[in-house]
Amino acid sequence: MKTQEKAIAVFPRRLQQLRKERGWSQPELAKMIGTSGTIIGRYERGDMTPSIEVARKLAEVFQVTLDYLVSEHDLPEILKDQEMLDRWRNLGELSSEDKERILSVVDSFLRDAKTRKAYKSN
């Protein structure tokens, strides 16, 4: 199966999963993106594939990336979180010196959290 075909096959399952996780009905989701519940049902069954613009709206509503909606691979949680991706994008725009400082602080917090977790499990 070609990559594009795999993405099309994954999309219905991901769409339904995200909608159900949030407890939304098809008509509720449809209203959020300006379509009908019937169309959402057709997307979820794989009877119809949304335009890139509609897929973008869905990603925004669910606060995930387009890649997450269509990727055949289970992505790390961080790649589903648009807010975290925006933070990384902002970090990438900083000077090397500022990036290094920020990542040093993040690394120390991560190290502390891992240490606390290790002590709790013992």
PDB file of N, CA and C in Angstrom:
ATOM      1  N   MET A   1       0.842  -1.179   0.000  1.00  0.00           N
ATOM      2  CA  MET A   1       0.000   0.000   0.000  1.00  0.00           C
ATOM      3  C   MET A   1       0.886   1.241   0.000  1.00  0.00           C
ATOM      4  N   LYS A   2       0.560   2.217  -0.820  1.00  0.00           N
ATOM      5  CA  LYS A   2       1.327   3.442  -0.916  1.00  0.00           C
ATOM      6  C   LYS A   2       1.115   4.289   0.333  1.00  0.00           C
ATOM      7  N   THR A   3       2.081   5.191   0.613  1.00  0.00           N
ATOM      8  CA  THR A   3       2.015   6.040   1.799  1.00  0.00           C
ATOM      9  C   THR A   3       0.725   6.847   1.842  1.00  0.00           C
ATOM     10  N   GLN A   4       0.332   7.427   0.712  1.00  0.00           N
ATOM     11  CA  GLN A   4      -0.890   8.236   0.675  1.00  0.00           C
ATOM     12  C   GLN A   4      -2.111   7.369   0.992  1.00  0.00           C
ATOM     13  N   GLU A   5      -2.148   6.162   0.467  1.00  0.00           N
ATOM     14  CA  GLU A   5      -3.269   5.267   0.736  1.00  0.00           C
ATOM     15  C   GLU A   5      -3.311   4.873   2.201  1.00  0.00           C
ATOM     16  N   LYS A   6      -2.140   4.664   2.815  1.00  0.00           N
ATOM     17  CA  LYS A   6      -2.084   4.326   4.235  1.00  0.00           C
ATOM     18  C   LYS A   6      -2.619   5.482   5.068  1.00  0.00           C
ATOM     19  N   ALA A   7      -2.222   6.694   4.717  1.00  0.00           N
ATOM     20  CA  ALA A   7      -2.694   7.871   5.447  1.00  0.00           C
ATOM     21  C   ALA A   7      -4.207   7.982   5.360  1.00  0.00           C
ATOM     22  N   ILE A   8      -4.749   7.715   4.194  1.00  0.00           N
ATOM     23  CA  ILE A   8      -6.195   7.783   4.005  1.00  0.00           C
ATOM     24  C   ILE A   8      -6.885   6.714   4.841  1.00  0.00           C
ATOM     25  N   ALA A   9      -6.263   5.548   4.978  1.00  0.00           N
ATOM     26  CA  ALA A   9      -6.849   4.464   5.766  1.00  0.00           C
ATOM     27  C   ALA A   9      -6.783   4.761   7.266  1.00  0.00           C
ATOM     28  N   VAL A  10      -5.773   5.476   7.719  1.00  0.00           N
ATOM     29  CA  VAL A  10      -5.598   5.792   9.136  1.00  0.00           C
ATOM     30  C   VAL A  10      -6.550   6.901   9.570  1.00  0.00           C
ATOM     31  N   PHE A  11      -6.785   7.860   8.707  1.00  0.00           N
ATOM     32  CA  PHE A  11      -7.557   9.050   9.067  1.00  0.00           C
ATOM     33  C   PHE A  11      -8.920   8.736   9.689  1.00  0.00           C
ATOM     34  N   PRO A  12      -9.744   7.865   9.113  1.00  0.00           N
ATOM     35  CA  PRO A  12     -11.065   7.616   9.718  1.00  0.00           C
ATOM     36  C   PRO A  12     -10.980   7.123  11.162  1.00  0.00           C
ATOM     37  N   ARG A  13     -10.051   6.231  11.411  1.00  0.00           N
ATOM     38  CA  ARG A  13      -9.889   5.679  12.767  1.00  0.00           C
ATOM     39  C   ARG A  13      -9.438   6.759  13.753  1.00  0.00           C
ATOM     40  N   ARG A  14      -8.462   7.562  13.338  1.00  0.00           N
ATOM     41  CA  ARG A  14      -7.958   8.625  14.217  1.00  0.00           C
ATOM     42  C   ARG A  14      -9.043   9.663  14.491  1.00  0.00           C
ATOM     43  N   LEU A  15      -9.786  10.023  13.464  1.00  0.00           N
ATOM     44  CA  LEU A  15     -10.840  11.016  13.620  1.00  0.00           C
ATOM     45  C   LEU A  15     -11.868  10.540  14.639  1.00  0.00           C
ATOM     46  N   GLN A  16     -12.329   9.321  14.477  1.00  0.00           N
ATOM     47  CA  GLN A  16     -13.331   8.780  15.393  1.00  0.00           C
ATOM     48  C   GLN A  16     -12.760   8.671  16.817  1.00  0.00           C
ATOM     49  N   GLN A  17     -11.535   8.221  16.933  1.00  0.00           N
ATOM     50  CA  GLN A  17     -10.891   8.085  18.246  1.00  0.00           C
ATOM     51  C   GLN A  17     -10.825   9.435  18.968  1.00  0.00           C
ATOM     52  N   LEU A  18     -10.362  10.462  18.268  1.00  0.00           N
ATOM     53  CA  LEU A  18     -10.247  11.784  18.877  1.00  0.00           C
ATOM     54  C   LEU A  18     -11.612  12.345  19.265  1.00  0.00           C
ATOM     55  N   ARG A  19     -12.584  12.160  18.405  1.00  0.00           N
ATOM     56  CA  ARG A  19     -13.939  12.659  18.687  1.00  0.00           C
ATOM     57  C   ARG A  19     -14.504  11.985  19.930  1.00  0.00           C
ATOM     58  N   LYS A  20     -14.367  10.664  20.008  1.00  0.00           N
ATOM     59  CA  LYS A  20     -14.899   9.924  21.151  1.00  0.00           C
ATOM     60  C   LYS A  20     -14.153  10.250  22.440  1.00  0.00           C
ATOM     61  N   GLU A  21     -12.838  10.434  22.350  1.00  0.00           N
ATOM     62  CA  GLU A  21     -12.054  10.810  23.540  1.00  0.00           C
ATOM     63  C   GLU A  21     -12.572  12.105  24.155  1.00  0.00           C
ATOM     64  N   ARG A  22     -13.057  12.984  23.329  1.00  0.00           N
ATOM     65  CA  ARG A  22     -13.553  14.267  23.818  1.00  0.00           C
ATOM     66  C   ARG A  22     -15.047  14.235  24.158  1.00  0.00           C
ATOM     67  N   GLY A  23     -15.679  13.111  23.834  1.00  0.00           N
ATOM     68  CA  GLY A  23     -17.095  12.963  24.146  1.00  0.00           C
ATOM     69  C   GLY A  23     -18.010  13.789  23.257  1.00  0.00           C
ATOM     70  N   TRP A  24     -17.566  14.068  22.042  1.00  0.00           N
ATOM     71  CA  TRP A  24     -18.354  14.869  21.111  1.00  0.00           C
ATOM     72  C   TRP A  24     -19.149  13.961  20.189  1.00  0.00           C
ATOM     73  N   SER A  25     -20.337  14.403  19.843  1.00  0.00           N
ATOM     74  CA  SER A  25     -21.116  13.695  18.826  1.00  0.00           C
ATOM     75  C   SER A  25     -20.625  14.151  17.457  1.00  0.00           C
ATOM     76  N   GLN A  26     -21.014  13.420  16.433  1.00  0.00           N
ATOM     77  CA  GLN A  26     -20.647  13.837  15.076  1.00  0.00           C
ATOM     78  C   GLN A  26     -21.219  15.215  14.749  1.00  0.00           C
ATOM     79  N   PRO A  27     -22.504  15.494  15.089  1.00  0.00           N
ATOM     80  CA  PRO A  27     -23.027  16.833  14.814  1.00  0.00           C
ATOM     81  C   PRO A  27     -22.303  17.942  15.583  1.00  0.00           C
ATOM     82  N   GLU A  28     -21.872  17.655  16.819  1.00  0.00           N
ATOM     83  CA  GLU A  28     -21.135  18.667  17.590  1.00  0.00           C
ATOM     84  C   GLU A  28     -19.814  19.005  16.908  1.00  0.00           C
ATOM     85  N   LEU A  29     -19.087  17.973  16.503  1.00  0.00           N
ATOM     86  CA  LEU A  29     -17.817  18.198  15.814  1.00  0.00           C
ATOM     87  C   LEU A  29     -18.053  18.934  14.500  1.00  0.00           C
ATOM     88  N   ALA A  30     -19.069  18.507  13.789  1.00  0.00           N
ATOM     89  CA  ALA A  30     -19.380  19.129  12.497  1.00  0.00           C
ATOM     90  C   ALA A  30     -19.624  20.630  12.644  1.00  0.00           C
ATOM     91  N   LYS A  31     -20.356  21.006  13.675  1.00  0.00           N
ATOM     92  CA  LYS A  31     -20.662  22.420  13.897  1.00  0.00           C
ATOM     93  C   LYS A  31     -19.371  23.219  14.136  1.00  0.00           C
ATOM     94  N   MET A  32     -18.420  22.606  14.822  1.00  0.00           N
ATOM     95  CA  MET A  32     -17.155  23.286  15.125  1.00  0.00           C
ATOM     96  C   MET A  32     -16.347  23.594  13.866  1.00  0.00           C
ATOM     97  N   ILE A  33     -16.501  22.764  12.833  1.00  0.00           N
ATOM     98  CA  ILE A  33     -15.696  22.988  11.624  1.00  0.00           C
ATOM     99  C   ILE A  33     -16.530  23.455  10.435  1.00  0.00           C
ATOM    100  N   GLY A  34     -17.829  23.649  10.662  1.00  0.00           N
ATOM    101  CA  GLY A  34     -18.675  24.199   9.603  1.00  0.00           C
ATOM    102  C   GLY A  34     -19.136  23.196   8.567  1.00  0.00           C
ATOM    103  N   THR A  35     -19.500  21.997   9.015  1.00  0.00           N
ATOM    104  CA  THR A  35     -20.029  20.990   8.102  1.00  0.00           C
ATOM    105  C   THR A  35     -21.200  20.290   8.787  1.00  0.00           C
ATOM    106  N   SER A  36     -21.588  19.133   8.309  1.00  0.00           N
ATOM    107  CA  SER A  36     -22.713  18.406   8.902  1.00  0.00           C
ATOM    108  C   SER A  36     -22.241  17.124   9.577  1.00  0.00           C
ATOM    109  N   GLY A  37     -23.062  16.635  10.485  1.00  0.00           N
ATOM    110  CA  GLY A  37     -22.767  15.375  11.158  1.00  0.00           C
ATOM    111  C   GLY A  37     -22.686  14.219  10.185  1.00  0.00           C
ATOM    112  N   THR A  38     -23.492  14.277   9.140  1.00  0.00           N
ATOM    113  CA  THR A  38     -23.482  13.235   8.111  1.00  0.00           C
ATOM    114  C   THR A  38     -22.115  13.154   7.435  1.00  0.00           C
ATOM    115  N   ILE A  39     -21.541  14.304   7.165  1.00  0.00           N
ATOM    116  CA  ILE A  39     -20.216  14.345   6.524  1.00  0.00           C
ATOM    117  C   ILE A  39     -19.164  13.771   7.466  1.00  0.00           C
ATOM    118  N   ILE A  40     -19.237  14.124   8.750  1.00  0.00           N
ATOM    119  CA  ILE A  40     -18.286  13.571   9.724  1.00  0.00           C
ATOM    120  C   ILE A  40     -18.402  12.051   9.735  1.00  0.00           C
ATOM    121  N   GLY A  41     -19.619  11.541   9.702  1.00  0.00           N
ATOM    122  CA  GLY A  41     -19.831  10.090   9.653  1.00  0.00           C
ATOM    123  C   GLY A  41     -19.196   9.471   8.425  1.00  0.00           C
ATOM    124  N   ARG A  42     -19.312  10.144   7.301  1.00  0.00           N
ATOM    125  CA  ARG A  42     -18.711   9.628   6.064  1.00  0.00           C
ATOM    126  C   ARG A  42     -17.182   9.636   6.156  1.00  0.00           C
ATOM    127  N   TYR A  43     -16.608  10.665   6.810  1.00  0.00           N
ATOM    128  CA  TYR A  43     -15.155  10.691   7.022  1.00  0.00           C
ATOM    129  C   TYR A  43     -14.742   9.520   7.901  1.00  0.00           C
ATOM    130  N   GLU A  44     -15.510   9.295   8.981  1.00  0.00           N
ATOM    131  CA  GLU A  44     -15.158   8.235   9.931  1.00  0.00           C
ATOM    132  C   GLU A  44     -15.298   6.834   9.334  1.00  0.00           C
ATOM    133  N   ARG A  45     -16.189   6.668   8.402  1.00  0.00           N
ATOM    134  CA  ARG A  45     -16.344   5.364   7.732  1.00  0.00           C
ATOM    135  C   ARG A  45     -15.357   5.193   6.588  1.00  0.00           C
ATOM    136  N   GLY A  46     -14.697   6.265   6.202  1.00  0.00           N
ATOM    137  CA  GLY A  46     -13.762   6.206   5.085  1.00  0.00           C
ATOM    138  C   GLY A  46     -14.457   6.309   3.741  1.00  0.00           C
ATOM    139  N   ASP A  47     -15.728   6.705   3.757  1.00  0.00           N
ATOM    140  CA  ASP A  47     -16.469   6.869   2.504  1.00  0.00           C
ATOM    141  C   ASP A  47     -16.048   8.134   1.771  1.00  0.00           C
ATOM    142  N   MET A  48     -15.503   9.076   2.517  1.00  0.00           N
ATOM    143  CA  MET A  48     -15.132  10.374   1.966  1.00  0.00           C
ATOM    144  C   MET A  48     -13.831  10.821   2.616  1.00  0.00           C
ATOM    145  N   THR A  49     -13.014  11.538   1.873  1.00  0.00           N
ATOM    146  CA  THR A  49     -11.773  12.098   2.399  1.00  0.00           C
ATOM    147  C   THR A  49     -11.906  13.613   2.391  1.00  0.00           C
ATOM    148  N   PRO A  50     -11.596  14.256   3.521  1.00  0.00           N
ATOM    149  CA  PRO A  50     -11.751  15.719   3.559  1.00  0.00           C
ATOM    150  C   PRO A  50     -10.687  16.426   2.737  1.00  0.00           C
ATOM    151  N   SER A  51     -11.007  17.644   2.360  1.00  0.00           N
ATOM    152  CA  SER A  51     -10.007  18.490   1.709  1.00  0.00           C
ATOM    153  C   SER A  51      -8.927  18.805   2.736  1.00  0.00           C
ATOM    154  N   ILE A  52      -7.804  19.282   2.273  1.00  0.00           N
ATOM    155  CA  ILE A  52      -6.716  19.645   3.185  1.00  0.00           C
ATOM    156  C   ILE A  52      -7.176  20.751   4.123  1.00  0.00           C
ATOM    157  N   GLU A  53      -8.006  21.653   3.641  1.00  0.00           N
ATOM    158  CA  GLU A  53      -8.519  22.748   4.482  1.00  0.00           C
ATOM    159  C   GLU A  53      -9.386  22.205   5.614  1.00  0.00           C
ATOM    160  N   VAL A  54     -10.246  21.240   5.322  1.00  0.00           N
ATOM    161  CA  VAL A  54     -11.091  20.639   6.356  1.00  0.00           C
ATOM    162  C   VAL A  54     -10.234  19.832   7.329  1.00  0.00           C
ATOM    163  N   ALA A  55      -9.258  19.109   6.816  1.00  0.00           N
ATOM    164  CA  ALA A  55      -8.354  18.348   7.682  1.00  0.00           C
ATOM    165  C   ALA A  55      -7.598  19.289   8.616  1.00  0.00           C
ATOM    166  N   ARG A  56      -7.203  20.438   8.107  1.00  0.00           N
ATOM    167  CA  ARG A  56      -6.520  21.443   8.932  1.00  0.00           C
ATOM    168  C   ARG A  56      -7.442  21.935  10.044  1.00  0.00           C
ATOM    169  N   LYS A  57      -8.702  22.191   9.707  1.00  0.00           N
ATOM    170  CA  LYS A  57      -9.678  22.620  10.722  1.00  0.00           C
ATOM    171  C   LYS A  57      -9.859  21.543  11.792  1.00  0.00           C
ATOM    172  N   LEU A  58      -9.916  20.295  11.364  1.00  0.00           N
ATOM    173  CA  LEU A  58     -10.050  19.195  12.327  1.00  0.00           C
ATOM    174  C   LEU A  58      -8.837  19.141  13.254  1.00  0.00           C
ATOM    175  N   ALA A  59      -7.653  19.277  12.691  1.00  0.00           N
ATOM    176  CA  ALA A  59      -6.440  19.267  13.508  1.00  0.00           C
ATOM    177  C   ALA A  59      -6.470  20.407  14.524  1.00  0.00           C
ATOM    178  N   GLU A  60      -6.924  21.571  14.106  1.00  0.00           N
ATOM    179  CA  GLU A  60      -7.012  22.720  15.016  1.00  0.00           C
ATOM    180  C   GLU A  60      -8.013  22.457  16.138  1.00  0.00           C
ATOM    181  N   VAL A  61      -9.169  21.930  15.795  1.00  0.00           N
ATOM    182  CA  VAL A  61     -10.207  21.654  16.790  1.00  0.00           C
ATOM    183  C   VAL A  61      -9.708  20.647  17.823  1.00  0.00           C
ATOM    184  N   PHE A  62      -9.004  19.614  17.357  1.00  0.00           N
ATOM    185  CA  PHE A  62      -8.496  18.584  18.262  1.00  0.00           C
ATOM    186  C   PHE A  62      -7.159  18.961  18.897  1.00  0.00           C
ATOM    187  N   GLN A  63      -6.567  20.063  18.437  1.00  0.00           N
ATOM    188  CA  GLN A  63      -5.253  20.519  18.906  1.00  0.00           C
ATOM    189  C   GLN A  63      -4.191  19.436  18.720  1.00  0.00           C
ATOM    190  N   VAL A  64      -4.178  18.868  17.517  1.00  0.00           N
ATOM    191  CA  VAL A  64      -3.167  17.900  17.114  1.00  0.00           C
ATOM    192  C   VAL A  64      -2.582  18.365  15.794  1.00  0.00           C
ATOM    193  N   THR A  65      -1.559  17.682  15.340  1.00  0.00           N
ATOM    194  CA  THR A  65      -0.970  18.019  14.050  1.00  0.00           C
ATOM    195  C   THR A  65      -1.686  17.245  12.940  1.00  0.00           C
ATOM    196  N   LEU A  66      -1.592  17.749  11.735  1.00  0.00           N
ATOM    197  CA  LEU A  66      -2.115  17.012  10.583  1.00  0.00           C
ATOM    198  C   LEU A  66      -1.412  15.668  10.465  1.00  0.00           C
ATOM    199  N   ASP A  67      -0.125  15.668  10.760  1.00  0.00           N
ATOM    200  CA  ASP A  67       0.653  14.433  10.697  1.00  0.00           C
ATOM    201  C   ASP A  67       0.047  13.368  11.607  1.00  0.00           C
ATOM    202  N   TYR A  68      -0.376  13.770  12.790  1.00  0.00           N
ATOM    203  CA  TYR A  68      -0.980  12.801  13.713  1.00  0.00           C
ATOM    204  C   TYR A  68      -2.272  12.238  13.122  1.00  0.00           C
ATOM    205  N   LEU A  69      -3.058  13.079  12.482  1.00  0.00           N
ATOM    206  CA  LEU A  69      -4.329  12.618  11.916  1.00  0.00           C
ATOM    207  C   LEU A  69      -4.146  11.560  10.832  1.00  0.00           C
ATOM    208  N   VAL A  70      -3.045  11.626  10.102  1.00  0.00           N
ATOM    209  CA  VAL A  70      -2.891  10.726   8.951  1.00  0.00           C
ATOM    210  C   VAL A  70      -1.740   9.728   9.059  1.00  0.00           C
ATOM    211  N   SER A  71      -0.922   9.850  10.106  1.00  0.00           N
ATOM    212  CA  SER A  71       0.248   8.975  10.202  1.00  0.00           C
ATOM    213  C   SER A  71      -0.147   7.558  10.598  1.00  0.00           C
ATOM    214  N   GLU A  72       0.431   6.599   9.917  1.00  0.00           N
ATOM    215  CA  GLU A  72       0.161   5.192  10.228  1.00  0.00           C
ATOM    216  C   GLU A  72       0.883   4.751  11.491  1.00  0.00           C
ATOM    217  N   HIS A  73       1.880   5.513  11.918  1.00  0.00           N
ATOM    218  CA  HIS A  73       2.669   5.166  13.097  1.00  0.00           C
ATOM    219  C   HIS A  73       2.103   5.868  14.308  1.00  0.00           C
ATOM    220  N   ASP A  74       2.164   5.216  15.441  1.00  0.00           N
ATOM    221  CA  ASP A  74       1.791   5.885  16.671  1.00  0.00           C
ATOM    222  C   ASP A  74       2.915   6.833  17.025  1.00  0.00           C
ATOM    223  N   LEU A  75       2.585   8.094  17.062  1.00  0.00           N
ATOM    224  CA  LEU A  75       3.576   9.117  17.337  1.00  0.00           C
ATOM    225  C   LEU A  75       3.681   9.349  18.833  1.00  0.00           C
ATOM    226  N   PRO A  76       4.834   9.797  19.290  1.00  0.00           N
ATOM    227  CA  PRO A  76       4.929  10.151  20.705  1.00  0.00           C
ATOM    228  C   PRO A  76       3.874  11.196  21.059  1.00  0.00           C
ATOM    229  N   GLU A  77       3.405  11.156  22.283  1.00  0.00           N
ATOM    230  CA  GLU A  77       2.362  12.088  22.725  1.00  0.00           C
ATOM    231  C   GLU A  77       2.703  13.539  22.399  1.00  0.00           C
ATOM    232  N   ILE A  78       3.980  13.897  22.528  1.00  0.00           N
ATOM    233  CA  ILE A  78       4.375  15.283  22.296  1.00  0.00           C
ATOM    234  C   ILE A  78       4.056  15.729  20.868  1.00  0.00           C
ATOM    235  N   LEU A  79       4.077  14.801  19.918  1.00  0.00           N
ATOM    236  CA  LEU A  79       3.793  15.173  18.539  1.00  0.00           C
ATOM    237  C   LEU A  79       2.303  15.326  18.275  1.00  0.00           C
ATOM    238  N   LYS A  80       1.483  14.903  19.203  1.00  0.00           N
ATOM    239  CA  LYS A  80       0.043  15.119  19.077  1.00  0.00           C
ATOM    240  C   LYS A  80      -0.344  16.478  19.642  1.00  0.00           C
ATOM    241  N   ASP A  81       0.523  17.059  20.446  1.00  0.00           N
ATOM    242  CA  ASP A  81       0.217  18.273  21.188  1.00  0.00           C
ATOM    243  C   ASP A  81       0.718  19.503  20.437  1.00  0.00           C
ATOM    244  N   GLN A  82      -0.209  20.211  19.799  1.00  0.00           N
ATOM    245  CA  GLN A  82       0.153  21.376  18.999  1.00  0.00           C
ATOM    246  C   GLN A  82       0.811  22.455  19.851  1.00  0.00           C
ATOM    247  N   GLU A  83       0.382  22.605  21.080  1.00  0.00           N
ATOM    248  CA  GLU A  83       0.952  23.621  21.964  1.00  0.00           C
ATOM    249  C   GLU A  83       2.436  23.341  22.235  1.00  0.00           C
ATOM    250  N   MET A  84       2.771  22.071  22.471  1.00  0.00           N
ATOM    251  CA  MET A  84       4.181  21.723  22.684  1.00  0.00           C
ATOM    252  C   MET A  84       5.005  21.933  21.412  1.00  0.00           C
ATOM    253  N   LEU A  85       4.420  21.591  20.279  1.00  0.00           N
ATOM    254  CA  LEU A  85       5.136  21.806  19.020  1.00  0.00           C
ATOM    255  C   LEU A  85       5.394  23.292  18.781  1.00  0.00           C
ATOM    256  N   ASP A  86       4.422  24.128  19.144  1.00  0.00           N
ATOM    257  CA  ASP A  86       4.619  25.578  19.016  1.00  0.00           C
ATOM    258  C   ASP A  86       5.748  26.058  19.922  1.00  0.00           C
ATOM    259  N   ARG A  87       5.838  25.481  21.127  1.00  0.00           N
ATOM    260  CA  ARG A  87       6.929  25.845  22.035  1.00  0.00           C
ATOM    261  C   ARG A  87       8.281  25.493  21.421  1.00  0.00           C
ATOM    262  N   TRP A  88       8.378  24.293  20.841  1.00  0.00           N
ATOM    263  CA  TRP A  88       9.645  23.872  20.222  1.00  0.00           C
ATOM    264  C   TRP A  88       9.978  24.762  19.033  1.00  0.00           C
ATOM    265  N   ARG A  89       8.955  25.143  18.285  1.00  0.00           N
ATOM    266  CA  ARG A  89       9.174  26.037  17.148  1.00  0.00           C
ATOM    267  C   ARG A  89       9.735  27.379  17.639  1.00  0.00           C
ATOM    268  N   ASN A  90       9.145  27.906  18.722  1.00  0.00           N
ATOM    269  CA  ASN A  90       9.634  29.167  19.289  1.00  0.00           C
ATOM    270  C   ASN A  90      11.060  29.028  19.801  1.00  0.00           C
ATOM    271  N   LEU A  91      11.359  27.915  20.412  1.00  0.00           N
ATOM    272  CA  LEU A  91      12.707  27.665  20.907  1.00  0.00           C
ATOM    273  C   LEU A  91      13.713  27.662  19.750  1.00  0.00           C
ATOM    274  N   GLY A  92      13.304  27.091  18.641  1.00  0.00           N
ATOM    275  CA  GLY A  92      14.170  27.025  17.474  1.00  0.00           C
ATOM    276  C   GLY A  92      14.516  28.380  16.887  1.00  0.00           C
ATOM    277  N   GLU A  93      13.716  29.393  17.200  1.00  0.00           N
ATOM    278  CA  GLU A  93      13.950  30.739  16.673  1.00  0.00           C
ATOM    279  C   GLU A  93      14.900  31.564  17.533  1.00  0.00           C
ATOM    280  N   LEU A  94      15.300  31.011  18.684  1.00  0.00           N
ATOM    281  CA  LEU A  94      16.178  31.748  19.590  1.00  0.00           C
ATOM    282  C   LEU A  94      17.643  31.590  19.206  1.00  0.00           C
ATOM    283  N   SER A  95      18.462  32.427  19.800  1.00  0.00           N
ATOM    284  CA  SER A  95      19.910  32.311  19.575  1.00  0.00           C
ATOM    285  C   SER A  95      20.404  31.014  20.208  1.00  0.00           C
ATOM    286  N   SER A  96      21.550  30.552  19.752  1.00  0.00           N
ATOM    287  CA  SER A  96      22.131  29.317  20.302  1.00  0.00           C
ATOM    288  C   SER A  96      22.354  29.434  21.799  1.00  0.00           C
ATOM    289  N   GLU A  97      22.804  30.581  22.230  1.00  0.00           N
ATOM    290  CA  GLU A  97      23.075  30.808  23.654  1.00  0.00           C
ATOM    291  C   GLU A  97      21.787  30.695  24.480  1.00  0.00           C
ATOM    292  N   ASP A  98      20.715  31.330  24.014  1.00  0.00           N
ATOM    293  CA  ASP A  98      19.442  31.266  24.735  1.00  0.00           C
ATOM    294  C   ASP A  98      18.875  29.843  24.738  1.00  0.00           C
ATOM    295  N   LYS A  99      18.975  29.171  23.596  1.00  0.00           N
ATOM    296  CA  LYS A  99      18.512  27.774  23.524  1.00  0.00           C
ATOM    297  C   LYS A  99      19.241  26.907  24.528  1.00  0.00           C
ATOM    298  N   GLU A 100      20.566  27.071  24.572  1.00  0.00           N
ATOM    299  CA  GLU A 100      21.384  26.268  25.475  1.00  0.00           C
ATOM    300  C   GLU A 100      20.981  26.498  26.927  1.00  0.00           C
ATOM    301  N   ARG A 101      20.751  27.757  27.297  1.00  0.00           N
ATOM    302  CA  ARG A 101      20.334  28.089  28.659  1.00  0.00           C
ATOM    303  C   ARG A 101      18.991  27.447  29.000  1.00  0.00           C
ATOM    304  N   ILE A 102      18.038  27.598  28.109  1.00  0.00           N
ATOM    305  CA  ILE A 102      16.699  27.057  28.347  1.00  0.00           C
ATOM    306  C   ILE A 102      16.738  25.535  28.434  1.00  0.00           C
ATOM    307  N   LEU A 103      17.437  24.897  27.510  1.00  0.00           N
ATOM    308  CA  LEU A 103      17.508  23.436  27.526  1.00  0.00           C
ATOM    309  C   LEU A 103      18.249  22.916  28.748  1.00  0.00           C
ATOM    310  N   SER A 104      19.198  23.679  29.251  1.00  0.00           N
ATOM    311  CA  SER A 104      19.895  23.297  30.479  1.00  0.00           C
ATOM    312  C   SER A 104      18.922  23.267  31.652  1.00  0.00           C
ATOM    313  N   VAL A 105      18.067  24.263  31.726  1.00  0.00           N
ATOM    314  CA  VAL A 105      17.052  24.307  32.793  1.00  0.00           C
ATOM    315  C   VAL A 105      16.061  23.152  32.626  1.00  0.00           C
ATOM    316  N   VAL A 106      15.602  22.922  31.404  1.00  0.00           N
ATOM    317  CA  VAL A 106      14.670  21.821  31.138  1.00  0.00           C
ATOM    318  C   VAL A 106      15.321  20.488  31.519  1.00  0.00           C
ATOM    319  N   ASP A 107      16.572  20.297  31.125  1.00  0.00           N
ATOM    320  CA  ASP A 107      17.286  19.063  31.464  1.00  0.00           C
ATOM    321  C   ASP A 107      17.354  18.850  32.972  1.00  0.00           C
ATOM    322  N   SER A 108      17.606  19.913  33.721  1.00  0.00           N
ATOM    323  CA  SER A 108      17.698  19.761  35.185  1.00  0.00           C
ATOM    324  C   SER A 108      16.339  19.394  35.779  1.00  0.00           C
ATOM    325  N   PHE A 109      15.267  19.981  35.276  1.00  0.00           N
ATOM    326  CA  PHE A 109      13.925  19.615  35.749  1.00  0.00           C
ATOM    327  C   PHE A 109      13.603  18.160  35.406  1.00  0.00           C
ATOM    328  N   LEU A 110      13.967  17.739  34.212  1.00  0.00           N
ATOM    329  CA  LEU A 110      13.732  16.346  33.816  1.00  0.00           C
ATOM    330  C   LEU A 110      14.517  15.381  34.695  1.00  0.00           C
ATOM    331  N   ARG A 111      15.757  15.712  34.956  1.00  0.00           N
ATOM    332  CA  ARG A 111      16.597  14.870  35.808  1.00  0.00           C
ATOM    333  C   ARG A 111      15.987  14.754  37.208  1.00  0.00           C
ATOM    334  N   ASP A 112      15.525  15.893  37.759  1.00  0.00           N
ATOM    335  CA  ASP A 112      14.893  15.886  39.087  1.00  0.00           C
ATOM    336  C   ASP A 112      13.622  15.035  39.092  1.00  0.00           C
ATOM    337  N   ALA A 113      12.815  15.185  38.051  1.00  0.00           N
ATOM    338  CA  ALA A 113      11.558  14.425  37.970  1.00  0.00           C
ATOM    339  C   ALA A 113      11.837  12.925  37.877  1.00  0.00           C
ATOM    340  N   LYS A 114      12.830  12.544  37.088  1.00  0.00           N
ATOM    341  CA  LYS A 114      13.192  11.125  36.965  1.00  0.00           C
ATOM    342  C   LYS A 114      13.707  10.575  38.291  1.00  0.00           C
ATOM    343  N   THR A 115      14.471  11.377  39.011  1.00  0.00           N
ATOM    344  CA  THR A 115      15.006  10.951  40.313  1.00  0.00           C
ATOM    345  C   THR A 115      13.851  10.746  41.297  1.00  0.00           C
ATOM    346  N   ARG A 116      12.930  11.697  41.353  1.00  0.00           N
ATOM    347  CA  ARG A 116      11.769  11.552  42.252  1.00  0.00           C
ATOM    348  C   ARG A 116      10.968  10.302  41.899  1.00  0.00           C
ATOM    349  N   LYS A 117      10.779  10.068  40.621  1.00  0.00           N
ATOM    350  CA  LYS A 117      10.032   8.895  40.180  1.00  0.00           C
ATOM    351  C   LYS A 117      10.734   7.605  40.601  1.00  0.00           C
ATOM    352  N   ALA A 118      12.055   7.584  40.474  1.00  0.00           N
ATOM    353  CA  ALA A 118      12.833   6.397  40.851  1.00  0.00           C
ATOM    354  C   ALA A 118      12.722   6.125  42.352  1.00  0.00           C
ATOM    355  N   TYR A 119      12.751   7.170  43.163  1.00  0.00           N
ATOM    356  CA  TYR A 119      12.642   6.991  44.614  1.00  0.00           C
ATOM    357  C   TYR A 119      11.249   6.550  45.018  1.00  0.00           C
ATOM    358  N   LYS A 120      10.225   7.032  44.329  1.00  0.00           N
ATOM    359  CA  LYS A 120       8.838   6.660  44.632  1.00  0.00           C
ATOM    360  C   LYS A 120       8.569   5.202  44.323  1.00  0.00           C
ATOM    361  N   SER A 121       9.210   4.681  43.282  1.00  0.00           N
ATOM    362  CA  SER A 121       8.951   3.300  42.878  1.00  0.00           C
ATOM    363  C   SER A 121       9.732   2.298  43.731  1.00  0.00           C
ATOM    364  N   ASN A 122      10.687   2.762  44.520  1.00  0.00           N
ATOM    365  CA  ASN A 122      11.462   1.845  45.398  1.00  0.00           C
ATOM    366  C   ASN A 122      10.828   1.675  46.738  1.00  0.00           C
TER     367      ASN A 122
END
